[in-house]
Amino acid sequence: MKTIFPVFLAAILLTGAGCGYSTQSLLSASYRKIYVDPFLNKLPITRESTEIQRFQTSLPRLEEDVTSGVINRFIFDGHLRITPNKSQADLILTGELIDFHRQPLRLDDQGNVEEYRLNLVANLKLRDAKTGELLWEENGFVGDTTYFVTGGSLAASESASVRALITDFSRRIVERTVEDW
């Protein structure tokens, strides 16, 4: 009985301590507005195909859709306000899209693709707009999604899946900026 009490007490104290998760931003309170520079499209559309990337895919206006997705996600998140004027910003986010992968994940018995994974890769920088100080830089930043091409209600078109990819990519950028994860 004497050995059980200390263990029980320790368990209660650890449970009360929690995991330390918070929904508050880790950004300095001086950062209130962000300017999202239009993303640059540097996708290598003339690159030869590889075993991983069998088919080159050209996605028109992808950089515009990504820029809009990131802006909309910052608005949805609410920790930072979007400003259309770079001179009024506290932070400036810049990015260049450098790769897009469509990888087959699952094949049926005849070798037809049933499921794909989409990856969008970018180089990102976040700067203090007033000082120009680089707050973080991440090369090879990835967003991803998967989708089925068959399977009735599970099936999705590639265009719908690209929208889901942009949503995931945007969410990860906002989390990286606001939560510094």
N, C-alpha and C. Protein backbone atom coordinates (compact mmCIF):
# COMPACT_ATOMS: atom_id res chain seq x y z
N MET A 1 0.81 -1.18 0.00
CA MET A 1 0.00 0.00 0.00
C MET A 1 0.86 1.26 0.00
N LYS A 2 1.98 1.21 0.74
CA LYS A 2 2.85 2.38 0.81
C LYS A 2 3.53 2.67 -0.53
N THR A 3 3.77 1.64 -1.36
CA THR A 3 4.42 1.86 -2.66
C THR A 3 3.42 2.30 -3.71
N ILE A 4 2.17 2.01 -3.54
CA ILE A 4 1.15 2.39 -4.53
C ILE A 4 0.84 3.88 -4.43
N PHE A 5 0.79 4.43 -3.22
CA PHE A 5 0.44 5.84 -3.03
C PHE A 5 1.37 6.79 -3.79
N PRO A 6 2.72 6.65 -3.69
CA PRO A 6 3.59 7.56 -4.44
C PRO A 6 3.40 7.45 -5.95
N VAL A 7 3.18 6.25 -6.45
CA VAL A 7 2.95 6.07 -7.89
C VAL A 7 1.64 6.74 -8.29
N PHE A 8 0.60 6.55 -7.51
CA PHE A 8 -0.69 7.16 -7.77
C PHE A 8 -0.59 8.69 -7.75
N LEU A 9 0.12 9.23 -6.78
CA LEU A 9 0.32 10.68 -6.66
C LEU A 9 1.09 11.22 -7.87
N ALA A 10 2.13 10.52 -8.28
CA ALA A 10 2.91 10.94 -9.44
C ALA A 10 2.06 10.93 -10.70
N ALA A 11 1.21 9.93 -10.85
CA ALA A 11 0.33 9.85 -12.02
C ALA A 11 -0.64 11.02 -12.06
N ILE A 12 -1.17 11.39 -10.93
CA ILE A 12 -2.10 12.53 -10.86
C ILE A 12 -1.38 13.82 -11.21
N LEU A 13 -0.19 14.02 -10.68
CA LEU A 13 0.57 15.23 -10.97
C LEU A 13 0.94 15.33 -12.44
N LEU A 14 1.35 14.22 -13.05
CA LEU A 14 1.71 14.23 -14.47
C LEU A 14 0.50 14.48 -15.35
N THR A 15 -0.64 13.93 -14.98
CA THR A 15 -1.86 14.14 -15.74
C THR A 15 -2.26 15.61 -15.69
N GLY A 16 -2.11 16.22 -14.56
CA GLY A 16 -2.45 17.63 -14.41
C GLY A 16 -1.50 18.56 -15.14
N ALA A 17 -0.29 18.09 -15.39
CA ALA A 17 0.70 18.93 -16.06
C ALA A 17 0.34 19.15 -17.52
N GLY A 18 -0.35 18.20 -18.16
CA GLY A 18 -0.74 18.35 -19.55
C GLY A 18 0.42 18.20 -20.49
N CYS A 19 0.13 18.36 -21.76
CA CYS A 19 1.16 18.14 -22.78
C CYS A 19 1.82 19.44 -23.22
N GLY A 20 1.31 20.57 -22.78
CA GLY A 20 1.92 21.84 -23.15
C GLY A 20 1.39 22.42 -24.45
N TYR A 21 0.38 21.82 -25.06
CA TYR A 21 -0.17 22.32 -26.32
C TYR A 21 -0.97 23.58 -26.06
N SER A 22 -0.83 24.52 -26.96
CA SER A 22 -1.57 25.76 -26.84
C SER A 22 -2.04 26.20 -28.21
N THR A 23 -3.17 26.91 -28.27
CA THR A 23 -3.65 27.43 -29.53
C THR A 23 -3.18 28.87 -29.75
N GLN A 24 -2.39 29.39 -28.84
CA GLN A 24 -1.87 30.73 -28.99
C GLN A 24 -0.72 30.74 -29.99
N SER A 25 -0.55 31.86 -30.64
CA SER A 25 0.54 32.02 -31.60
C SER A 25 1.86 32.16 -30.85
N LEU A 26 2.92 31.64 -31.45
CA LEU A 26 4.25 31.81 -30.89
C LEU A 26 4.95 33.05 -31.47
N LEU A 27 4.25 33.76 -32.35
CA LEU A 27 4.81 34.98 -32.93
C LEU A 27 4.84 36.10 -31.90
N SER A 28 5.78 36.99 -32.09
CA SER A 28 5.83 38.18 -31.26
C SER A 28 4.56 39.00 -31.46
N ALA A 29 4.11 39.64 -30.42
CA ALA A 29 2.90 40.46 -30.50
C ALA A 29 3.07 41.65 -31.44
N SER A 30 4.31 41.99 -31.78
CA SER A 30 4.54 43.11 -32.70
C SER A 30 4.21 42.73 -34.15
N TYR A 31 4.06 41.45 -34.43
CA TYR A 31 3.71 41.01 -35.78
C TYR A 31 2.20 40.85 -35.88
N ARG A 32 1.59 41.77 -36.62
CA ARG A 32 0.14 41.74 -36.76
C ARG A 32 -0.32 41.58 -38.20
N LYS A 33 0.48 42.04 -39.15
CA LYS A 33 0.08 42.01 -40.56
C LYS A 33 1.13 41.27 -41.39
N ILE A 34 0.66 40.51 -42.37
CA ILE A 34 1.56 39.78 -43.24
C ILE A 34 1.21 40.08 -44.70
N TYR A 35 2.25 40.21 -45.49
CA TYR A 35 2.10 40.35 -46.94
C TYR A 35 2.59 39.05 -47.56
N VAL A 36 1.75 38.44 -48.39
CA VAL A 36 2.13 37.22 -49.09
C VAL A 36 2.50 37.61 -50.51
N ASP A 37 3.80 37.53 -50.79
CA ASP A 37 4.28 37.80 -52.14
C ASP A 37 3.71 36.74 -53.08
N PRO A 38 3.33 37.11 -54.29
CA PRO A 38 2.87 36.08 -55.23
C PRO A 38 3.93 34.99 -55.40
N PHE A 39 3.51 33.75 -55.29
CA PHE A 39 4.44 32.64 -55.45
C PHE A 39 4.97 32.61 -56.87
N LEU A 40 6.22 32.20 -57.01
CA LEU A 40 6.84 32.03 -58.32
C LEU A 40 6.73 30.58 -58.74
N ASN A 41 6.44 30.35 -60.01
CA ASN A 41 6.35 29.00 -60.53
C ASN A 41 7.67 28.64 -61.20
N LYS A 42 8.46 27.84 -60.51
CA LYS A 42 9.74 27.37 -61.05
C LYS A 42 9.73 25.86 -61.25
N LEU A 43 8.53 25.34 -61.55
CA LEU A 43 8.41 23.91 -61.78
C LEU A 43 9.18 23.53 -63.05
N PRO A 44 9.97 22.49 -63.00
CA PRO A 44 10.77 22.08 -64.15
C PRO A 44 9.94 21.26 -65.14
N ILE A 45 9.12 21.94 -65.95
CA ILE A 45 8.21 21.22 -66.84
C ILE A 45 8.92 20.56 -68.02
N THR A 46 10.16 20.90 -68.26
CA THR A 46 10.88 20.28 -69.37
C THR A 46 11.77 19.13 -68.93
N ARG A 47 11.77 18.83 -67.64
CA ARG A 47 12.59 17.75 -67.11
C ARG A 47 12.13 16.40 -67.65
N GLU A 48 13.09 15.52 -67.84
CA GLU A 48 12.76 14.17 -68.30
C GLU A 48 12.07 13.41 -67.18
N SER A 49 11.24 12.45 -67.57
CA SER A 49 10.55 11.65 -66.57
C SER A 49 11.52 10.67 -65.91
N THR A 50 11.15 10.26 -64.70
CA THR A 50 11.96 9.32 -63.93
C THR A 50 11.07 8.15 -63.51
N GLU A 51 11.63 7.19 -62.83
CA GLU A 51 10.85 6.06 -62.34
C GLU A 51 9.78 6.52 -61.35
N ILE A 52 10.13 7.50 -60.52
CA ILE A 52 9.16 8.02 -59.54
C ILE A 52 8.13 8.90 -60.23
N GLN A 53 8.58 9.75 -61.13
CA GLN A 53 7.71 10.71 -61.81
C GLN A 53 7.64 10.31 -63.28
N ARG A 54 6.74 9.41 -63.60
CA ARG A 54 6.66 8.90 -64.96
C ARG A 54 6.08 9.90 -65.95
N PHE A 55 5.16 10.72 -65.48
CA PHE A 55 4.49 11.64 -66.36
C PHE A 55 4.64 13.06 -65.84
N GLN A 56 5.13 13.95 -66.69
CA GLN A 56 5.22 15.35 -66.32
C GLN A 56 3.82 15.96 -66.38
N THR A 57 3.50 16.74 -65.42
CA THR A 57 2.20 17.38 -65.35
C THR A 57 2.40 18.88 -65.33
N SER A 58 1.71 19.56 -66.19
CA SER A 58 1.73 21.01 -66.20
C SER A 58 0.42 21.49 -65.61
N LEU A 59 0.51 22.30 -64.59
CA LEU A 59 -0.69 22.81 -63.93
C LEU A 59 -0.76 24.32 -64.15
N PRO A 60 -1.56 24.76 -65.11
CA PRO A 60 -1.65 26.19 -65.39
C PRO A 60 -2.14 26.98 -64.18
N ARG A 61 -1.54 28.11 -63.95
CA ARG A 61 -1.91 29.05 -62.89
C ARG A 61 -1.75 28.48 -61.49
N LEU A 62 -0.94 27.45 -61.33
CA LEU A 62 -0.76 26.84 -60.01
C LEU A 62 -0.25 27.87 -59.01
N GLU A 63 0.69 28.71 -59.42
CA GLU A 63 1.25 29.70 -58.50
C GLU A 63 0.19 30.69 -58.01
N GLU A 64 -0.76 31.03 -58.88
CA GLU A 64 -1.84 31.93 -58.48
C GLU A 64 -2.78 31.23 -57.49
N ASP A 65 -3.09 29.97 -57.76
CA ASP A 65 -3.96 29.23 -56.87
C ASP A 65 -3.31 29.02 -55.50
N VAL A 66 -2.01 28.76 -55.48
CA VAL A 66 -1.30 28.59 -54.21
C VAL A 66 -1.27 29.90 -53.44
N THR A 67 -0.97 31.01 -54.10
CA THR A 67 -0.97 32.32 -53.44
C THR A 67 -2.33 32.61 -52.82
N SER A 68 -3.40 32.39 -53.57
CA SER A 68 -4.76 32.61 -53.04
C SER A 68 -5.05 31.67 -51.89
N GLY A 69 -4.62 30.41 -52.00
CA GLY A 69 -4.85 29.45 -50.93
C GLY A 69 -4.17 29.84 -49.64
N VAL A 70 -2.93 30.32 -49.75
CA VAL A 70 -2.18 30.73 -48.55
C VAL A 70 -2.82 31.96 -47.92
N ILE A 71 -3.20 32.92 -48.74
CA ILE A 71 -3.86 34.12 -48.22
C ILE A 71 -5.16 33.75 -47.52
N ASN A 72 -5.96 32.91 -48.16
CA ASN A 72 -7.23 32.50 -47.55
C ASN A 72 -7.02 31.75 -46.25
N ARG A 73 -5.96 30.96 -46.17
CA ARG A 73 -5.70 30.22 -44.93
C ARG A 73 -5.27 31.15 -43.80
N PHE A 74 -4.49 32.19 -44.12
CA PHE A 74 -4.14 33.18 -43.09
C PHE A 74 -5.39 33.90 -42.60
N ILE A 75 -6.29 34.22 -43.51
CA ILE A 75 -7.55 34.87 -43.12
C ILE A 75 -8.35 33.94 -42.22
N PHE A 76 -8.45 32.67 -42.60
CA PHE A 76 -9.19 31.68 -41.81
C PHE A 76 -8.57 31.50 -40.42
N ASP A 77 -7.23 31.45 -40.36
CA ASP A 77 -6.53 31.25 -39.09
C ASP A 77 -6.74 32.43 -38.15
N GLY A 78 -6.62 33.65 -38.65
CA GLY A 78 -6.92 34.84 -37.87
C GLY A 78 -5.81 35.38 -36.98
N HIS A 79 -4.68 34.71 -36.88
CA HIS A 79 -3.60 35.23 -36.04
C HIS A 79 -2.90 36.43 -36.69
N LEU A 80 -2.84 36.45 -37.99
CA LEU A 80 -2.23 37.57 -38.72
C LEU A 80 -3.23 38.10 -39.74
N ARG A 81 -3.24 39.42 -39.91
CA ARG A 81 -4.10 40.02 -40.93
C ARG A 81 -3.31 40.13 -42.22
N ILE A 82 -3.98 39.89 -43.32
CA ILE A 82 -3.37 40.03 -44.64
C ILE A 82 -3.41 41.49 -45.03
N THR A 83 -2.31 41.98 -45.55
CA THR A 83 -2.30 43.33 -46.10
C THR A 83 -1.89 43.26 -47.57
N PRO A 84 -2.61 43.97 -48.43
CA PRO A 84 -2.25 43.97 -49.85
C PRO A 84 -1.09 44.92 -50.17
N ASN A 85 -0.68 45.68 -49.17
CA ASN A 85 0.37 46.66 -49.37
C ASN A 85 1.63 46.23 -48.61
N LYS A 86 2.68 45.96 -49.33
CA LYS A 86 3.92 45.47 -48.72
C LYS A 86 4.48 46.45 -47.70
N SER A 87 4.31 47.74 -47.93
CA SER A 87 4.87 48.75 -47.03
C SER A 87 4.15 48.80 -45.68
N GLN A 88 2.95 48.25 -45.59
CA GLN A 88 2.20 48.24 -44.33
C GLN A 88 2.38 46.94 -43.55
N ALA A 89 3.12 46.00 -44.11
CA ALA A 89 3.26 44.67 -43.49
C ALA A 89 4.30 44.65 -42.39
N ASP A 90 4.10 43.75 -41.43
CA ASP A 90 5.10 43.46 -40.41
C ASP A 90 5.96 42.27 -40.85
N LEU A 91 5.35 41.37 -41.63
CA LEU A 91 6.02 40.18 -42.12
C LEU A 91 5.81 40.05 -43.62
N ILE A 92 6.79 39.48 -44.30
CA ILE A 92 6.67 39.20 -45.73
C ILE A 92 7.01 37.74 -45.97
N LEU A 93 6.06 37.03 -46.57
CA LEU A 93 6.26 35.63 -46.93
C LEU A 93 6.50 35.54 -48.43
N THR A 94 7.61 34.90 -48.80
CA THR A 94 7.90 34.67 -50.22
C THR A 94 8.05 33.17 -50.45
N GLY A 95 7.70 32.74 -51.64
CA GLY A 95 7.81 31.33 -51.96
C GLY A 95 7.96 31.09 -53.44
N GLU A 96 8.63 30.00 -53.76
CA GLU A 96 8.76 29.57 -55.15
C GLU A 96 8.46 28.08 -55.21
N LEU A 97 7.57 27.73 -56.13
CA LEU A 97 7.20 26.34 -56.33
C LEU A 97 8.29 25.68 -57.15
N ILE A 98 8.87 24.60 -56.62
CA ILE A 98 10.01 24.00 -57.32
C ILE A 98 9.75 22.58 -57.81
N ASP A 99 8.70 21.93 -57.31
CA ASP A 99 8.45 20.58 -57.80
C ASP A 99 7.01 20.16 -57.52
N PHE A 100 6.52 19.29 -58.38
CA PHE A 100 5.19 18.71 -58.24
C PHE A 100 5.33 17.24 -58.62
N HIS A 101 4.91 16.35 -57.72
CA HIS A 101 5.00 14.92 -57.97
C HIS A 101 3.61 14.30 -57.96
N ARG A 102 3.39 13.41 -58.89
CA ARG A 102 2.20 12.55 -58.87
C ARG A 102 2.72 11.12 -58.88
N GLN A 103 2.61 10.45 -57.74
CA GLN A 103 3.18 9.11 -57.59
C GLN A 103 2.06 8.08 -57.45
N PRO A 104 2.13 7.00 -58.21
CA PRO A 104 1.14 5.93 -58.00
C PRO A 104 1.42 5.22 -56.68
N LEU A 105 0.38 5.01 -55.90
CA LEU A 105 0.52 4.34 -54.60
C LEU A 105 -0.02 2.92 -54.61
N ARG A 106 -1.11 2.71 -55.33
CA ARG A 106 -1.78 1.42 -55.29
C ARG A 106 -2.20 1.03 -56.69
N LEU A 107 -1.91 -0.23 -57.05
CA LEU A 107 -2.27 -0.77 -58.36
C LEU A 107 -3.25 -1.92 -58.19
N ASP A 108 -4.11 -2.11 -59.20
CA ASP A 108 -4.98 -3.28 -59.16
C ASP A 108 -4.24 -4.48 -59.77
N ASP A 109 -4.93 -5.60 -59.91
CA ASP A 109 -4.31 -6.83 -60.42
C ASP A 109 -3.82 -6.69 -61.86
N GLN A 110 -4.41 -5.79 -62.62
CA GLN A 110 -4.00 -5.59 -64.02
C GLN A 110 -2.91 -4.52 -64.17
N GLY A 111 -2.47 -3.94 -63.07
CA GLY A 111 -1.44 -2.91 -63.12
C GLY A 111 -1.96 -1.51 -63.32
N ASN A 112 -3.26 -1.30 -63.23
CA ASN A 112 -3.84 0.03 -63.35
C ASN A 112 -3.76 0.75 -62.01
N VAL A 113 -3.45 2.02 -62.06
CA VAL A 113 -3.31 2.81 -60.84
C VAL A 113 -4.69 3.04 -60.22
N GLU A 114 -4.81 2.74 -58.94
CA GLU A 114 -6.04 2.99 -58.19
C GLU A 114 -5.93 4.20 -57.28
N GLU A 115 -4.70 4.50 -56.82
CA GLU A 115 -4.50 5.60 -55.88
C GLU A 115 -3.20 6.32 -56.21
N TYR A 116 -3.25 7.65 -56.13
CA TYR A 116 -2.08 8.50 -56.35
C TYR A 116 -1.79 9.33 -55.12
N ARG A 117 -0.54 9.73 -54.97
CA ARG A 117 -0.13 10.74 -54.00
C ARG A 117 0.36 11.95 -54.79
N LEU A 118 -0.11 13.12 -54.39
CA LEU A 118 0.36 14.38 -54.97
C LEU A 118 1.21 15.10 -53.94
N ASN A 119 2.37 15.59 -54.37
CA ASN A 119 3.25 16.39 -53.51
C ASN A 119 3.54 17.70 -54.22
N LEU A 120 3.50 18.78 -53.47
CA LEU A 120 3.91 20.09 -53.95
C LEU A 120 5.07 20.54 -53.09
N VAL A 121 6.17 20.93 -53.74
CA VAL A 121 7.40 21.28 -53.03
C VAL A 121 7.74 22.74 -53.34
N ALA A 122 8.15 23.47 -52.30
CA ALA A 122 8.47 24.89 -52.46
C ALA A 122 9.63 25.29 -51.56
N ASN A 123 10.24 26.39 -51.91
CA ASN A 123 11.21 27.06 -51.05
C ASN A 123 10.51 28.29 -50.49
N LEU A 124 10.58 28.46 -49.17
CA LEU A 124 9.86 29.55 -48.51
C LEU A 124 10.79 30.38 -47.65
N LYS A 125 10.44 31.67 -47.51
CA LYS A 125 11.16 32.57 -46.61
C LYS A 125 10.15 33.48 -45.93
N LEU A 126 10.38 33.71 -44.64
CA LEU A 126 9.59 34.68 -43.89
C LEU A 126 10.54 35.72 -43.34
N ARG A 127 10.28 36.98 -43.68
CA ARG A 127 11.15 38.09 -43.25
C ARG A 127 10.36 39.10 -42.44
N ASP A 128 11.07 39.75 -41.53
CA ASP A 128 10.54 40.91 -40.83
C ASP A 128 10.54 42.03 -41.87
N ALA A 129 9.38 42.62 -42.11
CA ALA A 129 9.26 43.64 -43.16
C ALA A 129 10.00 44.92 -42.82
N LYS A 130 10.12 45.23 -41.54
CA LYS A 130 10.77 46.49 -41.14
C LYS A 130 12.29 46.38 -41.19
N THR A 131 12.84 45.27 -40.70
CA THR A 131 14.30 45.13 -40.60
C THR A 131 14.90 44.30 -41.73
N GLY A 132 14.07 43.51 -42.40
CA GLY A 132 14.58 42.62 -43.44
C GLY A 132 15.18 41.34 -42.87
N GLU A 133 15.14 41.18 -41.55
CA GLU A 133 15.71 39.99 -40.91
C GLU A 133 14.96 38.74 -41.35
N LEU A 134 15.72 37.71 -41.69
CA LEU A 134 15.15 36.43 -42.06
C LEU A 134 14.72 35.71 -40.79
N LEU A 135 13.40 35.49 -40.62
CA LEU A 135 12.89 34.83 -39.42
C LEU A 135 12.95 33.32 -39.56
N TRP A 136 12.64 32.82 -40.75
CA TRP A 136 12.85 31.41 -41.05
C TRP A 136 12.88 31.22 -42.56
N GLU A 137 13.56 30.17 -42.92
CA GLU A 137 13.66 29.78 -44.32
C GLU A 137 13.54 28.27 -44.37
N GLU A 138 12.75 27.79 -45.29
CA GLU A 138 12.60 26.35 -45.43
C GLU A 138 12.62 25.97 -46.90
N ASN A 139 13.67 25.26 -47.28
CA ASN A 139 13.78 24.74 -48.64
C ASN A 139 13.23 23.33 -48.66
N GLY A 140 12.53 23.01 -49.72
CA GLY A 140 11.96 21.67 -49.83
C GLY A 140 10.72 21.48 -48.98
N PHE A 141 9.99 22.54 -48.70
CA PHE A 141 8.75 22.48 -47.92
C PHE A 141 7.71 21.71 -48.73
N VAL A 142 7.02 20.74 -48.11
CA VAL A 142 6.14 19.84 -48.86
C VAL A 142 4.72 19.87 -48.30
N GLY A 143 3.77 19.89 -49.21
CA GLY A 143 2.37 19.63 -48.91
C GLY A 143 1.98 18.39 -49.70
N ASP A 144 1.04 17.60 -49.18
CA ASP A 144 0.67 16.40 -49.93
C ASP A 144 -0.78 16.01 -49.70
N THR A 145 -1.26 15.16 -50.58
CA THR A 145 -2.58 14.56 -50.47
C THR A 145 -2.57 13.28 -51.28
N THR A 146 -3.54 12.43 -51.01
CA THR A 146 -3.71 11.22 -51.82
C THR A 146 -5.13 11.20 -52.35
N TYR A 147 -5.32 10.48 -53.45
CA TYR A 147 -6.67 10.33 -53.99
C TYR A 147 -6.79 9.04 -54.78
N PHE A 148 -8.01 8.50 -54.76
CA PHE A 148 -8.34 7.30 -55.51
C PHE A 148 -8.92 7.70 -56.86
N VAL A 149 -8.55 6.98 -57.91
CA VAL A 149 -9.13 7.24 -59.23
C VAL A 149 -10.30 6.30 -59.50
N THR A 150 -10.42 5.24 -58.69
CA THR A 150 -11.54 4.30 -58.80
C THR A 150 -12.10 4.09 -57.40
N GLY A 151 -13.26 3.46 -57.34
CA GLY A 151 -13.79 3.13 -56.03
C GLY A 151 -15.07 3.85 -55.68
N GLY A 152 -15.80 4.29 -56.67
CA GLY A 152 -17.11 4.91 -56.41
C GLY A 152 -17.01 6.19 -55.61
N SER A 153 -17.54 6.17 -54.39
CA SER A 153 -17.61 7.39 -53.57
C SER A 153 -16.23 7.85 -53.10
N LEU A 154 -15.24 6.97 -53.12
CA LEU A 154 -13.88 7.35 -52.71
C LEU A 154 -13.11 8.04 -53.83
N ALA A 155 -13.54 7.85 -55.07
CA ALA A 155 -12.82 8.39 -56.22
C ALA A 155 -12.92 9.91 -56.27
N ALA A 156 -11.85 10.54 -56.75
CA ALA A 156 -11.82 12.00 -56.90
C ALA A 156 -11.09 12.33 -58.20
N SER A 157 -11.44 13.46 -58.77
CA SER A 157 -10.73 13.91 -59.96
C SER A 157 -9.38 14.49 -59.55
N GLU A 158 -8.48 14.59 -60.52
CA GLU A 158 -7.18 15.17 -60.19
C GLU A 158 -7.32 16.65 -59.86
N SER A 159 -8.22 17.36 -60.52
CA SER A 159 -8.37 18.79 -60.22
C SER A 159 -8.88 19.00 -58.80
N ALA A 160 -9.82 18.16 -58.34
CA ALA A 160 -10.29 18.26 -56.95
C ALA A 160 -9.17 17.91 -55.99
N SER A 161 -8.34 16.96 -56.37
CA SER A 161 -7.21 16.56 -55.52
C SER A 161 -6.14 17.63 -55.47
N VAL A 162 -5.93 18.36 -56.56
CA VAL A 162 -4.98 19.47 -56.55
C VAL A 162 -5.48 20.56 -55.61
N ARG A 163 -6.79 20.80 -55.59
CA ARG A 163 -7.35 21.78 -54.63
C ARG A 163 -7.11 21.31 -53.19
N ALA A 164 -7.28 20.02 -52.94
CA ALA A 164 -7.00 19.48 -51.59
C ALA A 164 -5.52 19.60 -51.27
N LEU A 165 -4.67 19.42 -52.25
CA LEU A 165 -3.22 19.58 -52.07
C LEU A 165 -2.88 21.02 -51.69
N ILE A 166 -3.48 21.97 -52.38
CA ILE A 166 -3.23 23.39 -52.09
C ILE A 166 -3.73 23.73 -50.69
N THR A 167 -4.86 23.16 -50.29
CA THR A 167 -5.38 23.39 -48.94
C THR A 167 -4.41 22.86 -47.89
N ASP A 168 -3.89 21.65 -48.09
CA ASP A 168 -2.92 21.08 -47.15
C ASP A 168 -1.64 21.90 -47.12
N PHE A 169 -1.15 22.27 -48.27
CA PHE A 169 0.08 23.05 -48.40
C PHE A 169 -0.08 24.39 -47.67
N SER A 170 -1.20 25.05 -47.88
CA SER A 170 -1.48 26.35 -47.25
C SER A 170 -1.58 26.22 -45.74
N ARG A 171 -2.27 25.19 -45.28
CA ARG A 171 -2.40 24.96 -43.83
C ARG A 171 -1.03 24.76 -43.19
N ARG A 172 -0.17 24.00 -43.84
CA ARG A 172 1.16 23.76 -43.29
C ARG A 172 2.00 25.04 -43.25
N ILE A 173 1.85 25.90 -44.25
CA ILE A 173 2.59 27.17 -44.26
C ILE A 173 2.13 28.05 -43.10
N VAL A 174 0.82 28.16 -42.91
CA VAL A 174 0.31 29.00 -41.82
C VAL A 174 0.75 28.43 -40.47
N GLU A 175 0.68 27.13 -40.31
CA GLU A 175 1.15 26.52 -39.05
C GLU A 175 2.62 26.80 -38.84
N ARG A 176 3.42 26.70 -39.88
CA ARG A 176 4.86 26.94 -39.77
C ARG A 176 5.12 28.40 -39.37
N THR A 177 4.31 29.30 -39.88
CA THR A 177 4.49 30.72 -39.61
C THR A 177 4.01 31.09 -38.21
N VAL A 178 2.82 30.65 -37.86
CA VAL A 178 2.19 31.07 -36.62
C VAL A 178 2.66 30.25 -35.42
N GLU A 179 2.78 28.94 -35.61
CA GLU A 179 3.12 28.06 -34.50
C GLU A 179 4.60 27.71 -34.45
N ASP A 180 5.31 28.01 -35.50
CA ASP A 180 6.74 27.73 -35.62
C ASP A 180 7.06 26.27 -35.36
N TRP A 181 6.29 25.37 -36.02
CA TRP A 181 6.52 23.93 -35.89
C TRP A 181 7.33 23.44 -37.04
